[in-house]
Amino acid sequence: MNNLVTETRKEVACIRYDLHHSENVFIIWEEWKDQEGLDIHNNQSHLQDFISKSENFVSAPIQVYKTAQIL
């Protein structure tokens, strides 16, 4: 996960990519300049490697929520 965060933060469109933890739950809080940047991120090897490796250590499928800031 550290490699994922480190490499993602280097991406041009990345505004925020923070890893949070509570008990057995990990949350990655992401903010992107635009949808194009997010689309590029979703195809990066460091993300694809993480997804394939994470299948071996997660107890439930990864959940992704797209939100909009209110305040």
Protein backbone atom coordinates (compact mmCIF):
# COMPACT_ATOMS: atom_id res chain seq x y z
CA MET A 1 0.00 0.00 0.00
CA ASN A 2 2.89 2.34 0.69
CA ASN A 3 4.14 1.94 -2.88
CA LEU A 4 0.66 2.61 -4.24
CA VAL A 5 0.37 5.85 -2.27
CA THR A 6 3.92 6.98 -3.06
CA GLU A 7 3.62 6.35 -6.80
CA THR A 8 0.11 7.78 -7.07
CA ARG A 9 1.12 11.02 -5.38
CA LYS A 10 3.62 11.53 -8.21
CA GLU A 11 0.85 11.63 -10.81
CA VAL A 12 0.25 15.06 -12.32
CA ALA A 13 -3.52 15.06 -11.73
CA CYS A 14 -3.31 13.84 -8.13
CA ILE A 15 -4.36 16.48 -5.61
CA ARG A 16 -4.73 14.15 -2.62
CA TYR A 17 -4.15 10.45 -2.05
CA ASP A 18 -4.19 9.68 1.66
CA LEU A 19 -4.23 6.29 3.37
CA HIS A 20 -6.34 5.93 6.53
CA HIS A 21 -6.73 2.93 8.82
CA SER A 22 -9.16 1.86 11.52
CA GLU A 23 -9.15 -1.67 12.94
CA ASN A 24 -9.18 -3.93 9.86
CA VAL A 25 -10.41 -1.26 7.45
CA PHE A 26 -8.21 0.75 5.11
CA ILE A 27 -9.52 3.83 3.32
CA ILE A 28 -7.81 5.73 0.54
CA TRP A 29 -9.10 9.30 0.29
CA GLU A 30 -8.51 10.53 -3.26
CA GLU A 31 -8.90 13.88 -4.97
CA TRP A 32 -8.15 14.41 -8.65
CA LYS A 33 -7.85 17.51 -10.83
CA ASP A 34 -10.27 16.06 -13.37
CA GLN A 35 -11.86 12.87 -14.64
CA GLU A 36 -9.16 12.48 -17.29
CA GLY A 37 -6.50 12.35 -14.57
CA LEU A 38 -8.49 9.74 -12.65
CA ASP A 39 -8.92 7.70 -15.83
CA ILE A 40 -5.15 7.79 -16.39
CA HIS A 41 -4.58 6.76 -12.76
CA ASN A 42 -6.94 3.80 -13.11
CA ASN A 43 -4.71 2.40 -15.86
CA GLN A 44 -1.36 2.90 -14.09
CA SER A 45 0.71 -0.22 -13.40
CA HIS A 46 1.14 0.59 -9.69
CA LEU A 47 -2.66 0.59 -9.24
CA GLN A 48 -3.20 -2.51 -11.37
CA ASP A 49 -0.46 -4.34 -9.42
CA PHE A 50 -2.06 -3.34 -6.12
CA ILE A 51 -5.49 -4.54 -7.23
CA SER A 52 -4.19 -7.93 -8.37
CA LYS A 53 -2.12 -8.43 -5.20
CA SER A 54 -4.88 -7.22 -2.86
CA GLU A 55 -7.14 -10.09 -3.88
CA ASN A 56 -4.94 -12.30 -1.68
CA PHE A 57 -5.41 -10.31 1.53
CA VAL A 58 -8.84 -8.66 1.51
CA SER A 59 -11.82 -10.26 3.22
CA ALA A 60 -14.37 -8.46 1.05
CA PRO A 61 -14.36 -6.84 -2.39
CA ILE A 62 -12.83 -3.37 -2.62
CA GLN A 63 -15.53 -0.72 -2.50
CA VAL A 64 -15.24 2.56 -4.39
CA TYR A 65 -17.44 5.57 -3.68
CA LYS A 66 -17.40 8.66 -5.87
CA THR A 67 -18.48 11.68 -3.84
CA ALA A 68 -18.91 15.40 -4.27
CA GLN A 69 -17.78 17.88 -1.64
CA ILE A 70 -20.68 19.76 -0.04
CA LEU A 71 -18.85 22.31 2.13
